[in-house]
Amino acid sequence: MRNTFAALLVLFGGAVLPPEVGGLVATASAANVAGLPDFADLVERTGGAVVNIRTTERAKPGQQGLPGADDEEMQEFFRRFFGVPMPPRQQQPERTPRGRRQAPQQQEEEVPRGVGSGFIISADGFVLTNAHVVEGADEVYVTLTDKREFKAKIIGVDKRTDVAVVKIDSNNLPRLAIGDPSKLRVGEWVIAIGSPFGLENTVTAGIISAKARDTGDYLPLIQTDVAVNPGNSGGPLINMRGEVIGINSQIYSRSGGYMGISFAVPIDEAVRVADQLRTTGRVTRGRIGVQIGEVTRDVADSLGLPRAQGALVQRVEPGAPAEKAGLEAGDIILKFNGSNIEKSSDLPRLVGATKPGTKATVNVWRKGAVRDVTLTIAELEPEKVAKKEERKAKPEQAANALGLVVSELSEAQRRELKTEGVLVEAAEGAAARAGLRPGDVILRLNNTDVKDAKQFNALVAKLEPRKVAVVLVRRGDASQFVPIRPNGQ
């Protein structure tokens, strides 16, 4: 009893607790221990479908070799932690019977390239992994948990989503069930299985930290605090039902190692890509030919939108489906084929998942009204380089109430831009604070198209002095709404 009391004193910094409080603490501690998850059964059910992937490349003896490669301790390190022997030293010339040196025959040899993870998605040997695990490899080897090793064939690689499919020649293999990432809840337990630093079948656990992290056009990643390190790439992220819900792909790190933040490609995105890779060996994506940006709260308020949502069309590519359908810079896309666009990154994912050649309906906010536009999806192609615009010097004028000095567009500029507007000659005060600068072209003030300098200045003069105004500005090949706040706001 005395020992128990002493332990309580240490635990609570020497404070003496009443017996009833101590009893509550003990009960709560027991409940917490009883409520902790046990991953053992989960690992037994799923671990057999997780594989180790090692890649090699072919190189001539003169292209390989590291100092100390013949050292026994270094060889043992590579065998234990990477599962492969260390590359030998560069081969030296040999002596012929006459004492003359001759160069050895330059034959290509396999040298280790990298180690990663993967998991089986079909009983006949299709394996899912990351593109960066197998990209550039000459040979890919897949090792199962029963130590069988197979030379794998790369079926397809998609860099945009960092997904790859490889195939091994075997049947009746264990496979992982596919889960639904849309049902994930922040805070739920998950595990990762992989080969960090070549240590096969390593299990780590954590929780879902966030969903749909934007790190790229086609990667709404799952964020977790599961320990993921080099070698985990390509391995599965598994929920408590034993379903794979993501492919461990990235970490945030300042040191190169795990720092508490890791990211996984959602399995629904990965499967969509994998199905195309298995069928055609490549991924086709849709495009409509617009450059987009976020809709801020100020822009939404100024244009009469109920809330900040959608994708702001900053530029329409000439000849693209969007231009043919009548979309314009300054439009805000609210829906695509009936799906809401909550943030701008939603649009490229929805468009990219649409088969080229199909018709789609786009719901657009323009000048205070909603309209539907029908267009035909094209196939995604490389982005074009934007051209810079030239600006001619103009005589000095007085700035208007927004702090802008503007001039007319030349006929050549109107033809090139295919629009009306005014050219910013100088920006000061509120306009300068908002980021406007000489050379910008103003296309719209709030919901009114700008036709010439006289009309623009007249519109500015009628603005409420204390109210935020928003201008649609074109800079280079992109257009964006810019809120201009009066002094004191």
Protein backbone atom coordinates (compact mmCIF):
# COMPACT_ATOMS: atom_id res chain seq x y z
CA MET A 1 0.00 0.00 0.00
CA ARG A 2 2.83 2.37 0.86
CA ASN A 3 4.49 1.64 -2.51
CA THR A 4 1.23 2.42 -4.31
CA PHE A 5 0.89 5.74 -2.46
CA ALA A 6 4.49 6.64 -3.30
CA ALA A 7 3.84 5.88 -6.96
CA LEU A 8 0.83 8.23 -6.92
CA LEU A 9 2.98 10.99 -5.41
CA VAL A 10 5.54 10.61 -8.18
CA LEU A 11 2.85 10.50 -10.88
CA PHE A 12 1.10 13.64 -9.69
CA GLY A 13 4.17 15.70 -8.78
CA GLY A 14 4.00 15.00 -5.05
CA ALA A 15 0.37 16.16 -4.60
CA VAL A 16 -1.67 14.08 -2.14
CA LEU A 17 -4.92 12.90 -3.70
CA PRO A 18 -8.03 11.82 -1.89
CA PRO A 19 -8.74 8.09 -2.09
CA GLU A 20 -11.81 8.62 -4.30
CA VAL A 21 -9.76 10.62 -6.85
CA GLY A 22 -7.04 8.01 -6.93
CA GLY A 23 -9.66 5.37 -7.61
CA LEU A 24 -11.06 7.37 -10.55
CA VAL A 25 -7.56 7.77 -12.01
CA ALA A 26 -6.89 4.05 -11.76
CA THR A 27 -10.24 3.21 -13.38
CA ALA A 28 -9.65 5.68 -16.24
CA SER A 29 -6.14 4.31 -16.83
CA ALA A 30 -7.44 0.76 -17.05
CA ALA A 31 -10.15 1.85 -19.48
CA ASN A 32 -7.62 3.60 -21.71
CA VAL A 33 -5.39 0.54 -21.82
CA ALA A 34 -8.35 -1.69 -22.59
CA GLY A 35 -9.45 0.62 -25.43
CA LEU A 36 -6.15 0.68 -27.31
CA PRO A 37 -6.23 -1.07 -30.71
CA ASP A 38 -4.50 -4.39 -31.23
CA PHE A 39 -3.08 -4.61 -34.75
CA ALA A 40 -1.79 -8.19 -34.55
CA ASP A 41 -4.80 -9.88 -36.19
CA LEU A 42 -4.97 -7.15 -38.82
CA VAL A 43 -1.33 -7.63 -39.76
CA GLU A 44 -1.77 -11.42 -39.98
CA ARG A 45 -4.70 -10.98 -42.38
CA THR A 46 -3.08 -8.42 -44.66
CA GLY A 47 0.69 -8.81 -44.40
CA GLY A 48 0.92 -11.67 -46.91
CA ALA A 49 -0.22 -9.41 -49.77
CA VAL A 50 2.55 -6.84 -49.18
CA VAL A 51 5.73 -7.28 -51.22
CA ASN A 52 9.27 -5.96 -51.29
CA ILE A 53 10.41 -4.42 -54.57
CA ARG A 54 14.03 -4.00 -55.53
CA THR A 55 15.21 -2.56 -58.80
CA THR A 56 18.45 -2.81 -60.71
CA GLU A 57 20.04 -1.15 -63.69
CA ARG A 58 22.52 -2.43 -66.23
CA ALA A 59 25.94 -0.81 -66.20
CA LYS A 60 29.42 -1.59 -67.46
CA PRO A 61 32.07 -2.39 -64.84
CA GLY A 62 33.76 0.96 -65.45
CA GLN A 63 30.55 2.78 -64.49
CA GLN A 64 30.19 1.24 -61.07
CA GLY A 65 32.19 0.71 -57.93
CA LEU A 66 32.52 2.51 -54.66
CA PRO A 67 35.50 2.96 -52.36
CA GLY A 68 35.55 0.28 -49.73
CA ALA A 69 32.98 -1.88 -51.51
CA ASP A 70 34.97 -5.01 -50.74
CA ASP A 71 35.00 -4.23 -47.04
CA GLU A 72 33.26 -7.07 -45.17
CA GLU A 73 31.43 -4.76 -42.74
CA MET A 74 30.02 -2.63 -45.58
CA GLN A 75 28.96 -5.76 -47.46
CA GLU A 76 27.20 -7.04 -44.37
CA PHE A 77 25.45 -3.67 -43.91
CA PHE A 78 24.08 -3.78 -47.44
CA ARG A 79 23.00 -7.41 -47.09
CA ARG A 80 21.16 -6.80 -43.80
CA PHE A 81 19.51 -3.48 -44.50
CA PHE A 82 18.97 -3.46 -48.25
CA GLY A 83 18.78 -7.15 -49.04
CA VAL A 84 21.34 -6.81 -51.85
CA PRO A 85 25.13 -6.99 -52.06
CA MET A 86 27.09 -3.78 -52.34
CA PRO A 87 28.38 -2.99 -55.83
CA PRO A 88 31.96 -4.20 -56.35
CA ARG A 89 34.89 -1.94 -56.98
CA GLN A 90 35.78 -0.92 -60.48
CA GLN A 91 37.39 -3.84 -62.27
CA GLN A 92 41.13 -3.47 -62.87
CA PRO A 93 43.01 -4.51 -66.03
CA GLU A 94 44.47 -8.03 -65.97
CA ARG A 95 47.96 -9.22 -66.96
CA THR A 96 48.37 -11.43 -70.00
CA PRO A 97 50.94 -14.28 -70.06
CA ARG A 98 53.40 -11.92 -71.78
CA GLY A 99 53.12 -9.42 -68.96
CA ARG A 100 51.13 -6.88 -70.96
CA ARG A 101 47.96 -5.42 -69.50
CA GLN A 102 44.67 -5.74 -71.32
CA ALA A 103 41.29 -4.30 -70.45
CA PRO A 104 38.66 -6.78 -69.26
CA GLN A 105 35.69 -7.46 -71.49
CA GLN A 106 33.14 -4.67 -71.04
CA GLN A 107 29.99 -6.62 -70.21
CA GLU A 108 26.90 -5.01 -68.75
CA GLU A 109 26.12 -6.10 -65.21
CA GLU A 110 23.14 -5.57 -62.95
CA VAL A 111 23.78 -3.17 -60.11
CA PRO A 112 21.38 -2.29 -57.29
CA ARG A 113 19.29 0.80 -57.92
CA GLY A 114 16.72 1.07 -55.14
CA VAL A 115 14.36 -0.64 -52.72
CA GLY A 116 10.64 -0.01 -52.28
CA SER A 117 7.35 -1.68 -51.45
CA GLY A 118 4.14 -2.73 -53.16
CA PHE A 119 1.03 -4.84 -52.67
CA ILE A 120 -0.86 -7.45 -54.66
CA ILE A 121 -4.23 -6.39 -56.07
CA SER A 122 -5.15 -9.54 -57.99
CA ALA A 123 -4.58 -13.25 -57.43
CA ASP A 124 -2.87 -13.56 -60.83
CA GLY A 125 0.03 -11.31 -59.88
CA PHE A 126 -0.72 -7.64 -60.55
CA VAL A 127 1.13 -5.46 -58.06
CA LEU A 128 0.52 -1.79 -57.29
CA THR A 129 3.39 0.51 -56.29
CA ASN A 130 4.71 4.06 -56.80
CA ALA A 131 5.94 5.27 -60.16
CA HIS A 132 9.11 6.63 -58.58
CA VAL A 133 9.97 3.17 -57.22
CA VAL A 134 10.27 1.53 -60.66
CA GLU A 135 10.84 4.47 -62.98
CA GLY A 136 14.13 4.14 -64.87
CA ALA A 137 14.77 0.59 -63.70
CA ASP A 138 16.07 -2.02 -66.13
CA GLU A 139 14.90 -4.92 -63.96
CA VAL A 140 12.31 -5.15 -61.20
CA TYR A 141 12.29 -7.96 -58.62
CA VAL A 142 9.34 -8.69 -56.36
CA THR A 143 9.83 -10.69 -53.16
CA LEU A 144 6.86 -12.21 -51.33
CA THR A 145 6.63 -12.76 -47.59
CA ASP A 146 7.33 -16.48 -48.15
CA LYS A 147 10.71 -15.41 -49.64
CA ARG A 148 9.84 -16.35 -53.21
CA GLU A 149 11.32 -13.85 -55.65
CA PHE A 150 10.00 -13.05 -59.14
CA LYS A 151 11.29 -10.91 -61.98
CA ALA A 152 8.44 -8.50 -62.67
CA LYS A 153 7.26 -6.81 -65.85
CA ILE A 154 6.41 -3.11 -65.73
CA ILE A 155 2.89 -2.80 -67.12
CA GLY A 156 2.65 0.98 -66.93
CA VAL A 157 3.79 4.08 -65.04
CA ASP A 158 1.91 7.34 -64.43
CA LYS A 159 4.09 10.14 -63.04
CA ARG A 160 1.21 12.58 -62.43
CA THR A 161 -0.30 10.37 -59.74
CA ASP A 162 2.93 8.50 -58.86
CA VAL A 163 1.24 5.15 -59.55
CA ALA A 164 2.72 2.13 -61.32
CA VAL A 165 1.57 -1.42 -62.05
CA VAL A 166 3.93 -4.39 -62.33
CA LYS A 167 3.12 -8.05 -63.03
CA ILE A 168 4.67 -11.25 -61.70
CA ASP A 169 4.08 -14.71 -63.15
CA SER A 170 2.21 -16.51 -60.38
CA ASN A 171 -1.34 -17.49 -59.35
CA ASN A 172 -3.47 -17.95 -56.24
CA LEU A 173 -1.71 -15.08 -54.53
CA PRO A 174 -3.10 -13.29 -51.46
CA ARG A 175 -4.45 -9.85 -52.30
CA LEU A 176 -5.66 -6.82 -50.42
CA ALA A 177 -9.28 -5.72 -50.42
CA ILE A 178 -9.88 -2.22 -51.82
CA GLY A 179 -11.42 0.29 -49.41
CA ASP A 180 -13.31 3.56 -49.91
CA PRO A 181 -11.25 6.67 -49.04
CA SER A 182 -14.37 8.84 -49.10
CA LYS A 183 -15.52 7.13 -45.90
CA LEU A 184 -12.30 7.94 -44.03
CA ARG A 185 -12.62 9.97 -40.86
CA VAL A 186 -9.89 12.18 -39.48
CA GLY A 187 -8.58 10.55 -36.32
CA GLU A 188 -9.22 6.91 -37.24
CA TRP A 189 -6.45 4.33 -36.88
CA VAL A 190 -4.48 3.07 -39.89
CA ILE A 191 -1.33 1.02 -40.43
CA ALA A 192 1.40 0.97 -43.04
CA ILE A 193 3.36 -2.12 -44.10
CA GLY A 194 6.51 -1.86 -46.17
CA SER A 195 10.28 -2.04 -46.36
CA PRO A 196 11.73 1.12 -44.80
CA PHE A 197 15.48 1.17 -45.41
CA GLY A 198 15.09 -2.35 -46.85
CA LEU A 199 13.70 -3.81 -43.61
CA GLU A 200 10.98 -6.04 -45.11
CA ASN A 201 7.48 -6.40 -43.65
CA THR A 202 7.83 -3.53 -41.20
CA VAL A 203 4.52 -2.45 -39.62
CA THR A 204 3.89 1.09 -38.35
CA ALA A 205 0.65 2.62 -37.06
CA GLY A 206 -0.95 6.02 -36.66
CA ILE A 207 -4.07 8.00 -37.44
CA ILE A 208 -5.55 9.92 -40.36
CA SER A 209 -4.37 13.51 -39.85
CA ALA A 210 -6.22 15.14 -42.76
CA LYS A 211 -7.97 14.28 -46.01
CA ALA A 212 -7.61 15.68 -49.53
CA ARG A 213 -4.37 17.60 -49.00
CA ASP A 214 -3.63 19.54 -52.19
CA THR A 215 -0.10 18.82 -53.36
CA GLY A 216 -0.78 18.63 -57.09
CA ASP A 217 -3.48 18.72 -59.73
CA TYR A 218 -4.24 15.02 -59.59
CA LEU A 219 -3.20 14.11 -56.06
CA PRO A 220 -5.64 14.90 -53.24
CA LEU A 221 -3.42 13.09 -50.76
CA ILE A 222 -4.31 11.46 -47.44
CA GLN A 223 -2.18 12.84 -44.60
CA THR A 224 -1.27 10.59 -41.67
CA ASP A 225 1.19 10.47 -38.79
CA VAL A 226 2.15 6.88 -39.61
CA ALA A 227 5.95 6.46 -39.65
CA VAL A 228 6.98 6.28 -43.31
CA ASN A 229 10.60 6.29 -44.45
CA PRO A 230 12.58 5.63 -47.64
CA GLY A 231 11.65 2.11 -48.73
CA ASN A 232 8.02 2.44 -47.59
CA SER A 233 7.16 4.03 -50.92
CA GLY A 234 4.57 1.98 -52.80
CA GLY A 235 3.36 0.11 -49.73
CA PRO A 236 -0.26 0.04 -48.57
CA LEU A 237 -2.03 2.24 -46.04
CA ILE A 238 -4.61 -0.06 -44.41
CA ASN A 239 -7.68 0.71 -42.31
CA MET A 240 -8.89 -1.32 -39.33
CA ARG A 241 -11.16 -3.41 -41.60
CA GLY A 242 -8.13 -4.71 -43.46
CA GLU A 243 -8.81 -2.66 -46.60
CA VAL A 244 -6.13 -0.72 -48.45
CA ILE A 245 -7.16 2.93 -48.64
CA GLY A 246 -3.96 4.47 -49.99
CA ILE A 247 -0.45 4.02 -51.36
CA ASN A 248 2.25 5.50 -49.13
CA SER A 249 4.04 7.92 -51.40
CA GLN A 250 5.55 11.01 -49.76
CA ILE A 251 6.80 12.44 -46.51
CA TYR A 252 7.36 15.98 -45.28
CA SER A 253 10.89 16.13 -43.98
CA ARG A 254 13.72 18.55 -43.36
CA SER A 255 16.15 15.75 -42.59
CA GLY A 256 15.30 13.11 -45.21
CA GLY A 257 13.65 10.92 -42.57
CA TYR A 258 10.23 10.71 -40.95
CA MET A 259 9.09 13.85 -39.08
CA GLY A 260 5.49 12.99 -38.23
CA ILE A 261 3.82 13.85 -41.54
CA SER A 262 3.35 11.36 -44.36
CA PHE A 263 1.10 11.26 -47.41
CA ALA A 264 -0.67 8.51 -49.34
CA VAL A 265 -2.32 8.43 -52.76
CA PRO A 266 -6.03 7.60 -52.27
CA ILE A 267 -6.72 4.09 -53.49
CA ASP A 268 -9.72 5.09 -55.62
CA GLU A 269 -7.47 7.44 -57.62
CA ALA A 270 -4.78 4.76 -57.83
CA VAL A 271 -7.19 2.04 -59.00
CA ARG A 272 -8.63 4.33 -61.68
CA VAL A 273 -5.12 4.88 -62.99
CA ALA A 274 -4.15 1.21 -62.60
CA ASP A 275 -7.15 0.05 -64.63
CA GLN A 276 -6.04 2.21 -67.56
CA LEU A 277 -2.43 1.09 -67.22
CA ARG A 278 -3.49 -2.57 -67.26
CA THR A 279 -5.71 -2.02 -70.30
CA THR A 280 -3.63 0.29 -72.50
CA GLY A 281 -0.31 0.81 -70.72
CA ARG A 282 -0.91 4.56 -70.37
CA VAL A 283 -3.37 7.03 -68.84
CA THR A 284 -5.51 9.41 -70.89
CA ARG A 285 -6.99 12.48 -69.21
CA GLY A 286 -9.48 15.08 -70.24
CA ARG A 287 -8.86 18.80 -70.62
CA ILE A 288 -11.00 21.82 -71.43
CA GLY A 289 -8.23 24.39 -71.93
CA VAL A 290 -8.53 26.86 -69.07
CA GLN A 291 -6.10 28.28 -66.53
CA ILE A 292 -7.80 28.60 -63.16
CA GLY A 293 -7.36 30.17 -59.73
CA GLU A 294 -9.05 30.26 -56.34
CA VAL A 295 -12.17 32.30 -55.59
CA THR A 296 -11.46 34.39 -52.48
CA ARG A 297 -14.01 35.73 -50.02
CA ASP A 298 -13.54 39.29 -51.28
CA VAL A 299 -14.09 38.24 -54.89
CA ALA A 300 -17.20 36.27 -53.97
CA ASP A 301 -18.66 39.20 -52.01
CA SER A 302 -17.93 41.71 -54.77
CA LEU A 303 -19.47 39.54 -57.50
CA GLY A 304 -22.54 38.58 -55.49
CA LEU A 305 -21.64 34.93 -54.98
CA PRO A 306 -23.32 33.47 -51.87
CA ARG A 307 -20.00 32.00 -50.73
CA ALA A 308 -16.39 31.56 -51.82
CA GLN A 309 -16.44 28.49 -54.05
CA GLY A 310 -15.66 27.39 -57.56
CA ALA A 311 -12.75 27.79 -59.95
CA LEU A 312 -11.97 31.21 -61.40
CA VAL A 313 -11.18 31.11 -65.12
CA GLN A 314 -8.01 33.20 -65.49
CA ARG A 315 -7.30 32.35 -69.12
CA VAL A 316 -9.02 30.48 -71.95
CA GLU A 317 -6.70 28.72 -74.37
CA PRO A 318 -7.34 29.67 -78.01
CA GLY A 319 -9.05 26.86 -79.93
CA ALA A 320 -9.63 24.79 -76.80
CA PRO A 321 -13.02 23.24 -75.88
CA ALA A 322 -13.64 26.03 -73.35
CA GLU A 323 -13.25 28.78 -75.97
CA LYS A 324 -15.42 26.92 -78.49
CA ALA A 325 -18.13 26.61 -75.83
CA GLY A 326 -17.98 30.33 -75.00
CA LEU A 327 -16.21 30.33 -71.63
CA GLU A 328 -14.48 33.61 -70.83
CA ALA A 329 -11.79 34.89 -68.48
CA GLY A 330 -13.55 36.00 -65.32
CA ASP A 331 -16.11 33.19 -65.37
CA ILE A 332 -16.41 31.17 -62.18
CA ILE A 333 -17.05 27.45 -62.72
CA LEU A 334 -19.37 26.23 -59.97
CA LYS A 335 -20.16 22.69 -61.19
CA PHE A 336 -18.79 20.16 -63.64
CA ASN A 337 -21.24 17.50 -64.81
CA GLY A 338 -23.32 18.14 -61.70
CA SER A 339 -20.43 17.83 -59.24
CA ASN A 340 -19.79 20.89 -57.06
CA ILE A 341 -16.46 22.67 -57.39
CA GLU A 342 -15.68 23.66 -53.81
CA LYS A 343 -12.10 24.71 -54.54
CA SER A 344 -10.23 25.25 -57.79
CA SER A 345 -8.23 22.00 -57.48
CA ASP A 346 -11.48 20.01 -57.75
CA LEU A 347 -11.91 20.99 -61.40
CA PRO A 348 -8.77 19.44 -62.98
CA ARG A 349 -9.44 16.18 -61.13
CA LEU A 350 -12.99 15.95 -62.42
CA VAL A 351 -12.03 16.99 -65.94
CA GLY A 352 -8.99 14.71 -65.95
CA ALA A 353 -11.15 11.73 -64.99
CA THR A 354 -13.52 12.39 -67.92
CA LYS A 355 -12.92 10.44 -71.12
CA PRO A 356 -11.79 12.61 -74.03
CA GLY A 357 -14.49 12.99 -76.68
CA THR A 358 -17.42 12.99 -74.24
CA LYS A 359 -19.73 15.97 -73.71
CA ALA A 360 -19.83 17.70 -70.35
CA THR A 361 -21.98 20.41 -68.79
CA VAL A 362 -20.27 23.26 -66.95
CA ASN A 363 -22.24 25.48 -64.58
CA VAL A 364 -20.81 29.02 -64.70
CA TRP A 365 -21.29 32.24 -62.71
CA ARG A 366 -20.93 35.27 -64.98
CA LYS A 367 -21.88 38.88 -64.19
CA GLY A 368 -24.25 37.99 -61.39
CA ALA A 369 -26.08 35.17 -63.19
CA VAL A 370 -25.71 31.41 -63.51
CA ARG A 371 -25.65 29.66 -66.88
CA ASP A 372 -24.91 26.17 -68.21
CA VAL A 373 -22.33 25.63 -70.94
CA THR A 374 -21.90 22.37 -72.87
CA LEU A 375 -18.48 21.42 -74.20
CA THR A 376 -16.62 18.42 -75.60
CA ILE A 377 -13.68 17.12 -73.56
CA ALA A 378 -10.29 17.02 -75.31
CA GLU A 379 -7.25 14.96 -74.37
CA LEU A 380 -4.71 16.51 -72.02
CA GLU A 381 -1.60 17.83 -73.72
CA PRO A 382 1.54 19.68 -72.54
CA GLU A 383 1.02 23.23 -71.36
CA LYS A 384 1.91 26.02 -73.73
CA VAL A 385 4.37 28.73 -72.84
CA ALA A 386 2.69 32.09 -72.24
CA LYS A 387 3.80 35.09 -74.27
CA LYS A 388 4.80 38.35 -72.65
CA GLU A 389 3.03 41.57 -73.59
CA GLU A 390 4.82 44.76 -74.51
CA ARG A 391 3.89 48.14 -73.06
CA LYS A 392 4.38 51.57 -74.60
CA ALA A 393 5.03 54.63 -72.51
CA LYS A 394 2.11 57.06 -72.11
CA PRO A 395 1.98 60.67 -70.92
CA GLU A 396 1.42 61.27 -67.20
CA GLN A 397 -2.16 61.53 -65.94
CA ALA A 398 -3.83 61.92 -62.55
CA ALA A 399 -4.74 58.69 -60.77
CA ASN A 400 -8.42 57.92 -60.22
CA ALA A 401 -10.03 57.05 -56.88
CA LEU A 402 -8.61 53.52 -56.98
CA GLY A 403 -5.07 54.84 -57.53
CA LEU A 404 -4.96 53.83 -61.20
CA VAL A 405 -3.86 55.62 -64.33
CA VAL A 406 -5.14 53.81 -67.42
CA SER A 407 -5.00 54.23 -71.19
CA GLU A 408 -6.68 52.78 -74.26
CA LEU A 409 -5.60 49.49 -75.78
CA SER A 410 -4.19 49.73 -79.27
CA GLU A 411 -5.91 47.93 -82.11
CA ALA A 412 -3.06 45.44 -82.23
CA GLN A 413 -3.46 44.74 -78.50
CA ARG A 414 -7.21 44.29 -78.88
CA ARG A 415 -6.68 41.79 -81.70
CA GLU A 416 -4.03 39.89 -79.76
CA LEU A 417 -6.03 39.80 -76.51
CA LYS A 418 -9.34 39.26 -78.31
CA THR A 419 -11.03 41.51 -75.76
CA GLU A 420 -11.68 45.07 -74.71
CA GLY A 421 -10.23 46.74 -71.65
CA VAL A 422 -7.77 49.37 -70.49
CA LEU A 423 -4.03 49.30 -69.95
CA VAL A 424 -2.61 50.18 -66.52
CA GLU A 425 0.00 52.91 -66.90
CA ALA A 426 0.56 53.55 -63.19
CA ALA A 427 -0.70 52.11 -59.88
CA GLU A 428 -0.50 53.86 -56.53
CA GLY A 429 -2.31 53.88 -53.21
CA ALA A 430 -4.99 51.19 -52.89
CA ALA A 431 -4.27 49.74 -56.35
CA ALA A 432 -0.56 49.39 -55.62
CA ARG A 433 -1.28 47.71 -52.27
CA ALA A 434 -3.54 45.25 -54.10
CA GLY A 435 -0.61 44.28 -56.35
CA LEU A 436 -1.56 45.98 -59.62
CA ARG A 437 1.31 47.25 -61.73
CA PRO A 438 1.99 48.92 -65.08
CA GLY A 439 1.32 46.62 -68.02
CA ASP A 440 -1.73 44.95 -66.47
CA VAL A 441 -4.92 45.02 -68.51
CA ILE A 442 -8.21 45.66 -66.69
CA LEU A 443 -11.10 43.76 -68.28
CA ARG A 444 -13.90 44.23 -65.76
CA LEU A 445 -14.84 46.32 -62.73
CA ASN A 446 -17.12 44.35 -60.40
CA ASN A 447 -19.69 42.92 -62.85
CA THR A 448 -19.27 45.51 -65.62
CA ASP A 449 -17.06 44.98 -68.69
CA VAL A 450 -14.50 47.74 -69.25
CA LYS A 451 -14.56 49.18 -72.79
CA ASP A 452 -12.30 52.24 -72.64
CA ALA A 453 -10.51 54.57 -70.23
CA LYS A 454 -13.29 57.17 -70.12
CA GLN A 455 -15.93 54.60 -69.19
CA PHE A 456 -13.63 52.95 -66.62
CA ASN A 457 -12.86 56.21 -64.84
CA ALA A 458 -16.57 57.07 -64.82
CA LEU A 459 -17.37 53.73 -63.20
CA VAL A 460 -14.66 54.27 -60.59
CA ALA A 461 -16.06 57.70 -59.76
CA LYS A 462 -19.43 56.13 -58.92
CA LEU A 463 -18.00 53.53 -56.51
CA GLU A 464 -18.89 53.74 -52.83
CA PRO A 465 -15.77 55.22 -51.14
CA ARG A 466 -15.64 52.69 -48.29
CA LYS A 467 -16.59 49.55 -50.23
CA VAL A 468 -14.16 46.97 -51.63
CA ALA A 469 -14.11 46.90 -55.44
CA VAL A 470 -12.89 43.99 -57.52
CA VAL A 471 -11.24 44.25 -60.93
CA LEU A 472 -10.61 41.48 -63.42
CA VAL A 473 -6.96 41.88 -64.39
CA ARG A 474 -5.08 40.20 -67.20
CA ARG A 475 -1.34 39.82 -66.79
CA GLY A 476 0.48 37.94 -69.50
CA ASP A 477 -1.82 35.10 -70.54
CA ALA A 478 -3.66 34.79 -67.22
CA SER A 479 -6.63 36.70 -65.76
CA GLN A 480 -7.52 37.07 -62.11
CA PHE A 481 -9.96 39.02 -59.92
CA VAL A 482 -8.10 41.44 -57.63
CA PRO A 483 -9.92 43.11 -54.70
CA ILE A 484 -8.95 46.75 -54.15
CA ARG A 485 -9.56 47.96 -50.62
CA PRO A 486 -10.07 51.68 -49.93
CA ASN A 487 -7.76 53.37 -47.41
CA GLY A 488 -8.30 52.20 -43.85
CA GLN A 489 -9.64 48.75 -44.73
